[in-house]
């Protein structure tokens, strides 16, 4: 139940001894900041997987959200409008995935891959393959670069995302229905649960997580690249699968996902501090 978590703790102890400055406050905050995008994407993917559906579009949806949000800021549109549209892009993509899976009866593996390809094409169409870069408003940059009480706001956003997600899944009827749908679709349907709605909700929340990540990437990097979030695809899935080996073995769970993302981030950071070659890190 806690084997993988103990493995992560062992890594922490190893790097504490072997990697210089690993335990410094600045470095530990840096690790938490670096895994923020990965963690939020992983939490979103966990919602889809909780309802027994795969979302293979979340990374490219995040990139599209980044491009749209960054493009609006680049063209001097209000930051609030850019943020709202960026979040809306993610939510809309999730709803489209849910419609394809539940109404058109297309397997989520295929349907979300199709949406992923569309999002990639739209991102390159909007940017022409060149990232939006410029001097952006301080209010927007604060979302990804700011600090509150010395803590990077990215860490705070990640913490809030994890706490809210755990509450929704464990303390609300909606979350319990999602869990039941993932455990046994037919039994849940016979029990009166609208399983199609739960699957749409799971995929929509995955899209929303991607939308949040996209706008945070745009703010943090002060640029909007058409492949900004694509590199998180495999590591986000890996974080969720690592999480499924602990706490609630065999089941997607938020605590396990966060620990999985933290383990991946800590491993990468520790190897860098030890001077490991690029090919060793990957």
Protein backbone atom coordinates (compact mmCIF):
# COMPACT_ATOMS: atom_id res chain seq x y z
CA UNK A 1 0.00 0.00 0.00
CA UNK A 2 2.83 2.40 0.76
CA UNK A 3 5.73 0.69 -1.04
CA UNK A 4 6.08 3.25 -3.82
CA UNK A 5 5.80 6.12 -1.34
CA UNK A 6 8.60 4.53 0.70
CA UNK A 7 10.62 4.24 -2.52
CA UNK A 8 10.13 7.98 -3.05
CA UNK A 9 11.23 8.63 0.52
CA UNK A 10 14.34 6.53 -0.09
CA UNK A 11 15.16 8.67 -3.13
CA UNK A 12 14.73 11.79 -1.01
CA UNK A 13 17.16 10.46 1.59
CA UNK A 14 19.64 9.40 -1.10
CA UNK A 15 19.69 12.81 -2.78
CA UNK A 16 19.81 14.56 0.59
CA UNK A 17 23.11 12.78 1.22
CA UNK A 18 24.54 12.70 -2.31
CA UNK A 19 23.39 15.91 -4.01
CA UNK A 20 24.81 19.20 -2.81
CA UNK A 21 22.20 21.84 -1.89
CA UNK A 22 19.34 19.38 -2.45
CA UNK A 23 17.90 20.15 0.99
CA UNK A 24 18.16 23.91 0.67
CA UNK A 25 14.85 25.73 0.98
CA UNK A 26 15.34 27.39 -2.39
CA UNK A 27 15.87 24.05 -4.13
CA UNK A 28 12.93 22.32 -2.44
CA UNK A 29 10.65 25.19 -3.46
CA UNK A 30 12.12 24.95 -6.94
CA UNK A 31 11.20 21.25 -7.12
CA UNK A 32 7.62 22.01 -6.06
CA UNK A 33 7.45 24.81 -8.62
CA UNK A 34 8.83 22.62 -11.41
CA UNK A 35 6.28 19.85 -10.83
CA UNK A 36 3.30 22.21 -10.66
CA UNK A 37 2.38 21.87 -14.35
CA UNK A 38 2.93 18.12 -14.27
CA UNK A 39 0.83 17.70 -11.13
CA UNK A 40 -2.16 19.71 -12.34
CA UNK A 41 -2.18 17.84 -15.66
CA UNK A 42 -1.90 14.53 -13.78
CA UNK A 43 -4.78 15.41 -11.46
CA UNK A 44 -6.95 16.19 -14.48
CA UNK A 45 -6.02 12.91 -16.14
CA UNK A 46 -6.86 11.13 -12.87
CA UNK A 47 -10.46 12.35 -13.12
CA UNK A 48 -10.83 10.84 -16.59
CA UNK A 49 -9.22 7.57 -15.49
CA UNK A 50 -11.45 7.47 -12.39
CA UNK A 51 -14.41 7.03 -14.74
CA UNK A 52 -12.47 4.35 -16.70
CA UNK A 53 -11.79 6.61 -19.68
CA UNK A 54 -8.45 7.56 -21.22
CA UNK A 55 -7.71 11.14 -22.19
CA UNK A 56 -4.75 11.25 -24.55
CA UNK A 57 -5.46 14.83 -25.61
CA UNK A 58 -4.73 16.67 -22.36
CA UNK A 59 -1.17 17.70 -23.29
CA UNK A 60 -2.09 19.19 -26.66
CA UNK A 61 -5.19 20.78 -25.15
CA UNK A 62 -2.85 22.44 -22.64
CA UNK A 63 -0.69 23.69 -25.52
CA UNK A 64 -3.73 25.08 -27.33
CA UNK A 65 -4.91 26.82 -24.18
CA UNK A 66 -1.43 28.29 -23.77
CA UNK A 67 -1.41 29.54 -27.36
CA UNK A 68 -4.88 31.09 -27.18
CA UNK A 69 -4.28 32.72 -23.79
CA UNK A 70 -0.83 33.96 -24.76
CA UNK A 71 -2.06 35.17 -28.13
CA UNK A 72 -4.77 37.28 -26.53
CA UNK A 73 -2.30 38.80 -24.06
CA UNK A 74 0.19 39.37 -26.91
CA UNK A 75 -2.48 41.31 -28.80
CA UNK A 76 -3.17 43.39 -25.68
CA UNK A 77 -6.54 41.95 -24.74
CA UNK A 78 -7.65 42.12 -21.07
CA UNK A 79 -5.93 39.52 -18.88
CA UNK A 80 -9.24 38.41 -17.34
CA UNK A 81 -10.69 37.72 -20.79
CA UNK A 82 -7.58 35.76 -21.82
CA UNK A 83 -7.71 33.63 -18.67
CA UNK A 84 -11.44 32.93 -19.08
CA UNK A 85 -11.04 31.90 -22.73
CA UNK A 86 -7.97 29.77 -21.92
CA UNK A 87 -9.96 27.87 -19.28
CA UNK A 88 -12.92 27.66 -21.66
CA UNK A 89 -10.74 26.06 -24.34
CA UNK A 90 -9.75 23.29 -21.93
CA UNK A 91 -13.30 22.71 -20.72
CA UNK A 92 -14.70 22.73 -24.25
CA UNK A 93 -12.13 20.16 -25.42
CA UNK A 94 -13.09 17.94 -22.49
CA UNK A 95 -16.78 18.26 -23.36
CA UNK A 96 -16.03 17.33 -26.97
CA UNK A 97 -14.13 14.27 -25.77
CA UNK A 98 -17.07 13.32 -23.56
CA UNK A 99 -19.53 13.72 -26.43
CA UNK A 100 -17.40 11.59 -28.75
CA UNK A 101 -17.08 8.82 -26.16
CA UNK A 102 -20.62 8.72 -24.76
CA UNK A 103 -22.77 9.80 -27.70
CA UNK A 104 -20.82 8.66 -30.75
CA UNK A 105 -19.62 5.50 -28.94
CA UNK A 106 -16.03 5.99 -30.07
CA UNK A 107 -13.49 4.41 -27.66
CA UNK A 108 -11.76 7.11 -25.63
CA UNK A 109 -8.33 5.92 -26.79
CA UNK A 110 -9.24 6.75 -30.40
CA UNK A 111 -11.53 9.72 -29.81
CA UNK A 112 -9.14 11.67 -27.62
CA UNK A 113 -6.24 10.99 -29.98
CA UNK A 114 -8.32 12.56 -32.77
CA UNK A 115 -9.02 15.61 -30.59
CA UNK A 116 -5.31 15.76 -29.77
CA UNK A 117 -4.41 15.92 -33.47
CA UNK A 118 -6.97 18.66 -34.07
CA UNK A 119 -5.63 20.71 -31.14
CA UNK A 120 -2.08 20.42 -32.47
CA UNK A 121 -3.18 21.56 -35.91
CA UNK A 122 -5.12 24.53 -34.52
CA UNK A 123 -2.17 25.56 -32.31
CA UNK A 124 0.18 25.66 -35.31
CA UNK A 125 -2.46 27.41 -37.41
CA UNK A 126 -2.85 30.18 -34.81
CA UNK A 127 0.88 30.73 -34.30
CA UNK A 128 2.23 29.84 -37.72
CA UNK A 129 4.68 27.65 -35.83
CA UNK A 130 6.25 30.63 -34.07
CA UNK A 131 5.69 31.27 -30.36
CA UNK A 132 4.08 34.48 -29.11
CA UNK A 133 6.69 36.33 -27.05
CA UNK A 134 6.54 39.83 -25.58
CA UNK A 135 6.36 42.13 -22.58
CA UNK A 136 3.15 41.00 -20.91
CA UNK A 137 1.11 42.63 -18.17
CA UNK A 138 2.28 42.29 -14.57
CA UNK A 139 -1.16 41.06 -13.47
CA UNK A 140 -1.02 38.15 -15.89
CA UNK A 141 2.62 37.31 -15.17
CA UNK A 142 1.84 37.15 -11.45
CA UNK A 143 -0.28 34.02 -12.06
CA UNK A 144 2.81 32.02 -12.97
CA UNK A 145 5.73 34.00 -11.58
CA UNK A 146 4.43 35.68 -8.44
CA UNK A 147 5.03 34.82 -4.80
CA UNK A 148 2.82 34.96 -1.74
CA UNK A 149 4.57 35.03 1.63
CA UNK A 150 7.72 33.84 -0.12
CA UNK A 151 5.99 30.83 -1.69
CA UNK A 152 5.73 30.63 -5.51
CA UNK A 153 2.10 31.00 -6.55
CA UNK A 154 2.50 27.94 -8.80
CA UNK A 155 2.95 25.86 -5.65
CA UNK A 156 -0.18 27.42 -4.16
CA UNK A 157 -2.24 26.73 -7.31
CA UNK A 158 -1.06 23.10 -7.24
CA UNK A 159 -1.92 22.70 -3.57
CA UNK A 160 -5.40 24.16 -4.11
CA UNK A 161 -5.99 21.90 -7.14
CA UNK A 162 -5.06 18.82 -5.11
CA UNK A 163 -7.17 19.77 -2.07
CA UNK A 164 -10.26 20.65 -4.14
CA UNK A 165 -9.91 17.47 -6.21
CA UNK A 166 -9.65 15.27 -3.12
CA UNK A 167 -12.71 16.95 -1.63
CA UNK A 168 -14.75 16.48 -4.81
CA UNK A 169 -13.85 12.80 -5.18
CA UNK A 170 -14.17 11.78 -1.54
CA UNK A 171 -16.66 14.14 0.06
CA UNK A 172 -19.31 14.81 -2.59
CA UNK A 173 -22.02 12.65 -4.12
CA UNK A 174 -20.75 13.62 -7.56
CA UNK A 175 -17.29 12.26 -6.76
CA UNK A 176 -18.66 9.02 -5.33
CA UNK A 177 -20.76 8.52 -8.47
CA UNK A 178 -17.64 9.02 -10.59
CA UNK A 179 -15.81 6.40 -8.53
CA UNK A 180 -18.70 3.93 -8.84
CA UNK A 181 -18.86 4.50 -12.59
CA UNK A 182 -15.19 3.67 -12.92
CA UNK A 183 -15.46 0.59 -10.72
CA UNK A 184 -18.39 -0.99 -12.56
CA UNK A 185 -20.16 0.95 -15.26
CA UNK A 186 -23.13 -1.42 -15.62
CA UNK A 187 -23.73 -1.84 -11.88
CA UNK A 188 -23.56 1.93 -11.41
CA UNK A 189 -26.08 2.44 -14.24
CA UNK A 190 -28.46 -0.11 -12.74
CA UNK A 191 -28.03 1.65 -9.40
CA UNK A 192 -29.47 4.83 -10.89
CA UNK A 193 -26.26 6.69 -11.69
CA UNK A 194 -26.10 8.56 -14.99
CA UNK A 195 -22.83 6.97 -16.05
CA UNK A 196 -22.65 8.85 -19.36
CA UNK A 197 -22.81 12.14 -17.47
CA UNK A 198 -20.08 10.97 -15.09
CA UNK A 199 -17.80 10.07 -18.00
CA UNK A 200 -18.41 13.44 -19.64
CA UNK A 201 -17.63 15.09 -16.30
CA UNK A 202 -14.40 13.12 -15.87
CA UNK A 203 -13.16 14.02 -19.35
CA UNK A 204 -14.28 17.65 -18.91
CA UNK A 205 -12.30 17.97 -15.67
CA UNK A 206 -9.29 16.52 -17.46
CA UNK A 207 -9.70 19.21 -20.10
CA UNK A 208 -10.10 21.88 -17.44
CA UNK A 209 -6.85 20.76 -15.80
CA UNK A 210 -5.16 21.11 -19.19
CA UNK A 211 -6.64 24.57 -19.62
CA UNK A 212 -5.35 25.69 -16.23
CA UNK A 213 -1.90 24.31 -17.05
CA UNK A 214 -1.85 26.07 -20.41
CA UNK A 215 -2.55 29.52 -19.03
CA UNK A 216 -0.07 29.00 -16.17
CA UNK A 217 2.58 27.97 -18.70
CA UNK A 218 1.92 31.10 -20.75
CA UNK A 219 2.22 33.24 -17.63
CA UNK A 220 5.29 31.50 -16.25
CA UNK A 221 7.23 31.44 -19.53
CA UNK A 222 5.96 34.79 -20.82
CA UNK A 223 5.52 33.07 -24.15
CA UNK A 224 3.04 30.80 -25.90
CA UNK A 225 4.47 27.92 -27.87
CA UNK A 226 2.30 25.53 -29.95
CA UNK A 227 3.96 22.56 -28.21
CA UNK A 228 4.32 24.15 -24.76
CA UNK A 229 2.66 21.29 -22.83
CA UNK A 230 3.26 18.38 -25.22
CA UNK A 231 6.34 17.18 -23.34
CA UNK A 232 4.26 16.48 -20.22
CA UNK A 233 2.21 13.74 -21.88
CA UNK A 234 4.12 10.63 -20.82
CA UNK A 235 5.35 11.95 -17.47
CA UNK A 236 1.81 12.93 -16.43
CA UNK A 237 0.51 9.47 -17.27
CA UNK A 238 3.49 7.97 -15.43
CA UNK A 239 2.70 10.06 -12.33
CA UNK A 240 -0.89 8.80 -12.29
CA UNK A 241 0.18 5.17 -12.80
CA UNK A 242 2.76 5.52 -10.04
CA UNK A 243 0.00 6.87 -7.83
CA UNK A 244 -2.10 3.81 -8.57
CA UNK A 245 0.55 1.58 -6.99
CA UNK A 246 0.12 3.20 -3.55
CA UNK A 247 -2.45 4.57 -1.07
CA UNK A 248 -5.34 2.95 -3.00
CA UNK A 249 -3.57 0.27 -5.07
CA UNK A 250 -5.13 -0.29 -8.48
CA UNK A 251 -7.23 2.87 -8.33
CA UNK A 252 -6.50 6.43 -9.48
CA UNK A 253 -6.18 8.62 -6.39
CA UNK A 254 -5.13 12.22 -5.91
CA UNK A 255 -2.68 11.67 -3.04
CA UNK A 256 -0.89 8.94 -4.97
CA UNK A 257 -0.81 11.09 -8.11
CA UNK A 258 0.76 14.00 -6.23
CA UNK A 259 3.38 11.70 -4.67
CA UNK A 260 4.07 10.20 -8.11
CA UNK A 261 4.60 13.64 -9.64
CA UNK A 262 6.79 14.66 -6.70
CA UNK A 263 8.91 11.52 -7.09
CA UNK A 264 9.45 12.19 -10.79
CA UNK A 265 10.35 15.83 -10.15
CA UNK A 266 12.65 14.96 -7.27
CA UNK A 267 14.45 12.34 -9.36
CA UNK A 268 15.05 14.80 -12.19
CA UNK A 269 16.23 17.56 -9.85
CA UNK A 270 18.53 15.26 -7.87
CA UNK A 271 20.22 13.90 -10.99
CA UNK A 272 20.82 17.43 -12.28
CA UNK A 273 22.40 18.47 -8.99
CA UNK A 274 24.63 15.40 -9.11
CA UNK A 275 25.81 16.40 -12.59
CA UNK A 276 24.28 13.44 -14.41
CA UNK A 277 24.42 13.51 -18.19
CA UNK A 278 21.27 14.36 -20.16
CA UNK A 279 20.80 10.80 -21.40
CA UNK A 280 20.99 9.48 -17.81
CA UNK A 281 18.26 11.88 -16.67
CA UNK A 282 15.93 10.57 -19.36
